[in-house]
């Protein structure tokens, strides 16, 4: 996971929720654990579900569907732009336009 340096971007004292495919730093990664409480298991499931929902919205723009065929320097700009558009879709202040990840 750390080939791209993403693990180094997680602040000390913070952890991210990952699925079972991520071995690594137990100080920064939190995956399935048979000893988790029922509440913690539900929290992790909800977080992973939200992430998958966000990814599916990114796919609306086909950024995760096809191989990126431009120079590597353009990739982060394009991904950030699409992520911002998806965030706007989620947070739109007009109720008829907003598409929240989940009902709260």
N, C-alpha and C. Protein backbone atom coordinates (compact mmCIF):
# COMPACT_ATOMS: atom_id res chain seq x y z
N UNK A 1 0.82 -1.20 0.00
CA UNK A 1 0.00 0.00 0.00
C UNK A 1 0.85 1.25 0.00
N UNK A 2 2.04 1.17 0.50
CA UNK A 2 2.83 2.38 0.66
C UNK A 2 3.67 2.73 -0.56
N UNK A 3 3.52 2.00 -1.68
CA UNK A 3 4.30 2.30 -2.87
C UNK A 3 4.08 3.74 -3.34
N UNK A 4 2.88 4.26 -3.15
CA UNK A 4 2.59 5.62 -3.60
C UNK A 4 2.78 6.64 -2.49
N UNK A 5 3.15 6.18 -1.30
CA UNK A 5 3.35 7.11 -0.19
C UNK A 5 2.09 7.48 0.55
N UNK A 6 0.98 6.78 0.27
CA UNK A 6 -0.28 7.14 0.91
C UNK A 6 -0.25 6.87 2.41
N UNK A 7 0.41 5.82 2.82
CA UNK A 7 0.48 5.50 4.24
C UNK A 7 1.14 6.64 5.02
N UNK A 8 2.12 7.27 4.41
CA UNK A 8 2.81 8.39 5.06
C UNK A 8 1.92 9.61 5.21
N UNK A 9 0.84 9.69 4.45
CA UNK A 9 -0.06 10.84 4.52
C UNK A 9 -1.07 10.73 5.65
N UNK A 10 -1.17 9.57 6.29
CA UNK A 10 -2.09 9.39 7.41
C UNK A 10 -1.44 10.01 8.64
N UNK A 11 -2.08 11.01 9.25
CA UNK A 11 -1.48 11.66 10.42
C UNK A 11 -1.27 10.68 11.57
N UNK A 12 -0.23 10.93 12.35
CA UNK A 12 0.02 10.11 13.53
C UNK A 12 -1.20 10.15 14.44
N UNK A 13 -1.55 9.02 15.01
CA UNK A 13 -2.70 8.93 15.89
C UNK A 13 -4.01 8.71 15.17
N UNK A 14 -4.00 8.69 13.83
CA UNK A 14 -5.20 8.46 13.03
C UNK A 14 -5.08 7.10 12.35
N UNK A 15 -6.23 6.50 12.07
CA UNK A 15 -6.26 5.21 11.38
C UNK A 15 -7.30 5.28 10.27
N UNK A 16 -7.08 4.49 9.23
CA UNK A 16 -8.07 4.40 8.17
C UNK A 16 -8.64 2.99 8.15
N UNK A 17 -9.88 2.89 7.74
CA UNK A 17 -10.56 1.60 7.67
C UNK A 17 -10.30 1.01 6.30
N UNK A 18 -9.82 -0.23 6.29
CA UNK A 18 -9.49 -0.91 5.03
C UNK A 18 -10.19 -2.26 4.98
N UNK A 19 -10.27 -2.82 3.77
CA UNK A 19 -10.84 -4.16 3.67
C UNK A 19 -9.73 -5.18 3.93
N UNK A 20 -10.05 -6.44 3.79
CA UNK A 20 -9.11 -7.50 4.12
C UNK A 20 -7.89 -7.60 3.23
N UNK A 21 -7.85 -6.87 2.13
CA UNK A 21 -6.74 -6.97 1.20
C UNK A 21 -5.54 -6.10 1.52
N UNK A 22 -5.52 -5.44 2.65
CA UNK A 22 -4.44 -4.53 2.99
C UNK A 22 -3.68 -5.01 4.21
N UNK A 23 -2.58 -5.72 4.01
CA UNK A 23 -1.74 -6.03 5.16
C UNK A 23 -0.92 -4.78 5.49
N UNK A 24 -0.43 -4.69 6.67
CA UNK A 24 0.45 -3.56 6.92
C UNK A 24 0.40 -3.02 8.31
N UNK A 25 0.64 -1.76 8.40
CA UNK A 25 0.84 -1.02 9.64
C UNK A 25 -0.42 -1.01 10.50
N UNK A 26 -0.40 -1.77 11.60
CA UNK A 26 -1.59 -1.82 12.46
C UNK A 26 -1.81 -0.53 13.21
N UNK A 27 -0.81 0.35 13.22
CA UNK A 27 -0.98 1.65 13.88
C UNK A 27 -1.79 2.61 13.01
N UNK A 28 -1.83 2.36 11.70
CA UNK A 28 -2.52 3.28 10.79
C UNK A 28 -3.66 2.65 10.02
N UNK A 29 -3.71 1.32 9.96
CA UNK A 29 -4.74 0.63 9.19
C UNK A 29 -5.62 -0.19 10.12
N UNK A 30 -6.91 -0.13 9.90
CA UNK A 30 -7.85 -0.90 10.72
C UNK A 30 -8.78 -1.67 9.79
N UNK A 31 -8.63 -2.98 9.79
CA UNK A 31 -9.47 -3.82 8.95
C UNK A 31 -10.34 -4.72 9.80
N UNK A 32 -10.78 -5.82 9.20
CA UNK A 32 -11.61 -6.77 9.91
C UNK A 32 -10.85 -7.31 11.12
N UNK A 33 -11.52 -7.40 12.24
CA UNK A 33 -10.94 -7.95 13.46
C UNK A 33 -12.03 -8.72 14.18
N UNK A 34 -11.82 -10.00 14.39
CA UNK A 34 -12.84 -10.82 15.03
C UNK A 34 -13.15 -10.37 16.46
N UNK A 35 -12.29 -9.56 17.05
CA UNK A 35 -12.50 -9.10 18.42
C UNK A 35 -13.19 -7.74 18.50
N UNK A 36 -13.49 -7.15 17.35
CA UNK A 36 -14.22 -5.87 17.35
C UNK A 36 -15.59 -6.05 17.99
N UNK A 37 -16.04 -5.02 18.68
CA UNK A 37 -17.39 -5.05 19.24
C UNK A 37 -18.41 -4.99 18.10
N UNK A 38 -19.64 -5.33 18.40
CA UNK A 38 -20.72 -5.27 17.40
C UNK A 38 -20.86 -3.84 16.86
N UNK A 39 -20.74 -2.87 17.74
CA UNK A 39 -20.86 -1.47 17.33
C UNK A 39 -19.72 -1.06 16.39
N UNK A 40 -18.50 -1.50 16.72
CA UNK A 40 -17.36 -1.15 15.88
C UNK A 40 -17.46 -1.84 14.52
N UNK A 41 -17.91 -3.08 14.49
CA UNK A 41 -18.11 -3.77 13.21
C UNK A 41 -19.12 -3.03 12.35
N UNK A 42 -20.20 -2.55 12.97
CA UNK A 42 -21.23 -1.80 12.24
C UNK A 42 -20.65 -0.48 11.72
N UNK A 43 -19.84 0.19 12.54
CA UNK A 43 -19.21 1.44 12.13
C UNK A 43 -18.30 1.22 10.92
N UNK A 44 -17.46 0.18 10.99
CA UNK A 44 -16.55 -0.11 9.88
C UNK A 44 -17.33 -0.46 8.61
N UNK A 45 -18.40 -1.23 8.75
CA UNK A 45 -19.21 -1.60 7.59
C UNK A 45 -19.83 -0.36 6.95
N UNK A 46 -20.32 0.55 7.78
CA UNK A 46 -20.93 1.79 7.26
C UNK A 46 -19.89 2.65 6.56
N UNK A 47 -18.70 2.77 7.14
CA UNK A 47 -17.63 3.56 6.53
C UNK A 47 -17.23 2.98 5.18
N UNK A 48 -17.08 1.65 5.11
CA UNK A 48 -16.71 1.02 3.84
C UNK A 48 -17.82 1.18 2.80
N UNK A 49 -19.06 1.12 3.25
CA UNK A 49 -20.19 1.30 2.34
C UNK A 49 -20.22 2.72 1.77
N UNK A 50 -19.98 3.70 2.63
CA UNK A 50 -19.92 5.09 2.16
C UNK A 50 -18.82 5.26 1.13
N UNK A 51 -17.68 4.65 1.39
CA UNK A 51 -16.55 4.76 0.47
C UNK A 51 -16.91 4.15 -0.89
N UNK A 52 -17.55 2.99 -0.87
CA UNK A 52 -17.95 2.35 -2.13
C UNK A 52 -18.99 3.19 -2.87
N UNK A 53 -19.88 3.83 -2.12
CA UNK A 53 -20.87 4.70 -2.74
C UNK A 53 -20.19 5.90 -3.40
N UNK A 54 -19.22 6.47 -2.71
CA UNK A 54 -18.46 7.59 -3.29
C UNK A 54 -17.75 7.12 -4.56
N UNK A 55 -17.11 5.94 -4.50
CA UNK A 55 -16.43 5.42 -5.70
C UNK A 55 -17.40 5.23 -6.86
N UNK A 56 -18.61 4.74 -6.57
CA UNK A 56 -19.57 4.53 -7.65
C UNK A 56 -19.97 5.86 -8.28
N UNK A 57 -20.00 6.92 -7.48
CA UNK A 57 -20.30 8.24 -8.04
C UNK A 57 -19.13 8.77 -8.85
N UNK A 58 -17.92 8.42 -8.46
CA UNK A 58 -16.76 8.81 -9.27
C UNK A 58 -16.85 8.13 -10.64
N UNK A 59 -17.37 6.91 -10.66
CA UNK A 59 -17.46 6.17 -11.92
C UNK A 59 -18.43 6.79 -12.90
N UNK A 60 -19.35 7.62 -12.41
CA UNK A 60 -20.25 8.35 -13.31
C UNK A 60 -19.43 9.12 -14.34
N UNK A 61 -18.28 9.61 -13.90
CA UNK A 61 -17.41 10.41 -14.77
C UNK A 61 -16.39 9.54 -15.52
N UNK A 62 -16.49 8.21 -15.36
CA UNK A 62 -15.63 7.24 -16.03
C UNK A 62 -14.15 7.39 -15.69
N UNK A 63 -13.84 8.00 -14.54
CA UNK A 63 -12.43 8.16 -14.18
C UNK A 63 -11.82 6.88 -13.62
N UNK A 64 -12.64 5.98 -13.16
CA UNK A 64 -12.11 4.74 -12.60
C UNK A 64 -12.38 3.55 -13.52
N UNK A 65 -13.00 3.80 -14.66
CA UNK A 65 -13.41 2.72 -15.55
C UNK A 65 -12.37 2.42 -16.63
N UNK A 66 -11.69 3.43 -17.09
CA UNK A 66 -10.75 3.27 -18.19
C UNK A 66 -9.33 3.62 -17.75
N UNK A 67 -8.38 3.08 -18.47
CA UNK A 67 -6.98 3.40 -18.21
C UNK A 67 -6.74 4.88 -18.51
N UNK A 68 -6.05 5.55 -17.60
CA UNK A 68 -5.74 6.98 -17.80
C UNK A 68 -4.59 7.06 -18.80
N UNK A 69 -4.82 7.75 -19.93
CA UNK A 69 -3.85 7.74 -21.01
C UNK A 69 -3.20 9.09 -21.26
N UNK A 70 -3.14 9.92 -20.23
CA UNK A 70 -2.47 11.21 -20.36
C UNK A 70 -1.22 11.18 -19.48
N UNK A 71 -0.47 12.26 -19.46
CA UNK A 71 0.75 12.25 -18.66
C UNK A 71 0.42 12.14 -17.16
N UNK A 72 1.35 11.58 -16.41
CA UNK A 72 1.13 11.31 -14.99
C UNK A 72 0.85 12.57 -14.19
N UNK A 73 1.38 13.70 -14.61
CA UNK A 73 1.17 14.95 -13.89
C UNK A 73 -0.27 15.45 -13.98
N UNK A 74 -0.99 15.03 -15.00
CA UNK A 74 -2.38 15.44 -15.19
C UNK A 74 -3.34 14.60 -14.35
N UNK A 75 -2.95 13.39 -14.01
CA UNK A 75 -3.83 12.48 -13.29
C UNK A 75 -4.36 13.06 -11.97
N UNK A 76 -3.49 13.57 -11.07
CA UNK A 76 -4.03 14.09 -9.80
C UNK A 76 -4.96 15.29 -10.00
N UNK A 77 -4.71 16.08 -11.01
CA UNK A 77 -5.57 17.23 -11.29
C UNK A 77 -6.96 16.76 -11.70
N UNK A 78 -7.01 15.78 -12.60
CA UNK A 78 -8.29 15.25 -13.07
C UNK A 78 -9.05 14.55 -11.94
N UNK A 79 -8.36 13.72 -11.16
CA UNK A 79 -9.02 13.02 -10.06
C UNK A 79 -9.56 13.99 -9.02
N UNK A 80 -8.78 15.02 -8.70
CA UNK A 80 -9.23 16.02 -7.73
C UNK A 80 -10.45 16.76 -8.26
N UNK A 81 -10.44 17.12 -9.53
CA UNK A 81 -11.58 17.82 -10.13
C UNK A 81 -12.85 16.97 -10.04
N UNK A 82 -12.74 15.70 -10.36
CA UNK A 82 -13.91 14.82 -10.30
C UNK A 82 -14.36 14.62 -8.85
N UNK A 83 -13.41 14.46 -7.93
CA UNK A 83 -13.78 14.31 -6.52
C UNK A 83 -14.51 15.55 -6.00
N UNK A 84 -14.09 16.72 -6.43
CA UNK A 84 -14.76 17.95 -6.03
C UNK A 84 -16.17 17.99 -6.62
N UNK A 85 -16.33 17.59 -7.86
CA UNK A 85 -17.67 17.55 -8.47
C UNK A 85 -18.59 16.59 -7.71
N UNK A 86 -18.07 15.43 -7.34
CA UNK A 86 -18.87 14.47 -6.58
C UNK A 86 -19.22 15.06 -5.21
N UNK A 87 -18.27 15.73 -4.58
CA UNK A 87 -18.54 16.36 -3.29
C UNK A 87 -19.64 17.42 -3.44
N UNK A 88 -19.59 18.20 -4.50
CA UNK A 88 -20.66 19.18 -4.75
C UNK A 88 -22.01 18.49 -4.92
N UNK A 89 -22.03 17.35 -5.61
CA UNK A 89 -23.28 16.59 -5.79
C UNK A 89 -23.84 16.20 -4.42
N UNK A 90 -22.97 15.81 -3.51
CA UNK A 90 -23.39 15.36 -2.19
C UNK A 90 -23.89 16.52 -1.34
N UNK A 91 -23.22 17.66 -1.44
CA UNK A 91 -23.50 18.78 -0.54
C UNK A 91 -24.40 19.86 -1.13
N UNK A 92 -24.86 19.71 -2.34
CA UNK A 92 -25.69 20.74 -2.98
C UNK A 92 -26.77 21.21 -2.02
N UNK A 93 -26.93 22.53 -1.90
CA UNK A 93 -27.87 23.09 -0.92
C UNK A 93 -29.32 23.02 -1.38
N UNK A 94 -29.57 22.79 -2.66
CA UNK A 94 -30.94 22.65 -3.13
C UNK A 94 -31.39 21.21 -2.92
N UNK A 95 -32.41 20.99 -2.10
CA UNK A 95 -32.82 19.61 -1.78
C UNK A 95 -33.09 18.74 -3.00
N UNK A 96 -33.61 19.33 -4.06
CA UNK A 96 -33.93 18.52 -5.24
C UNK A 96 -32.67 18.13 -6.02
N UNK A 97 -31.54 18.80 -5.75
CA UNK A 97 -30.31 18.51 -6.45
C UNK A 97 -29.33 17.69 -5.62
N UNK A 98 -29.43 17.78 -4.31
CA UNK A 98 -28.48 17.09 -3.44
C UNK A 98 -28.67 15.58 -3.54
N UNK A 99 -27.58 14.86 -3.50
CA UNK A 99 -27.62 13.41 -3.51
C UNK A 99 -26.73 12.90 -2.39
N UNK A 100 -27.22 12.96 -1.14
CA UNK A 100 -26.38 12.55 -0.01
C UNK A 100 -25.98 11.08 -0.12
N UNK A 101 -24.86 10.75 0.52
CA UNK A 101 -24.41 9.36 0.49
C UNK A 101 -25.42 8.45 1.16
N UNK A 102 -25.95 8.89 2.28
CA UNK A 102 -26.94 8.12 3.04
C UNK A 102 -27.87 9.10 3.73
N UNK A 103 -29.06 8.65 4.07
CA UNK A 103 -29.92 9.44 4.93
C UNK A 103 -29.28 9.46 6.32
N UNK A 104 -29.28 10.63 6.96
CA UNK A 104 -28.70 10.69 8.30
C UNK A 104 -29.76 10.84 9.34
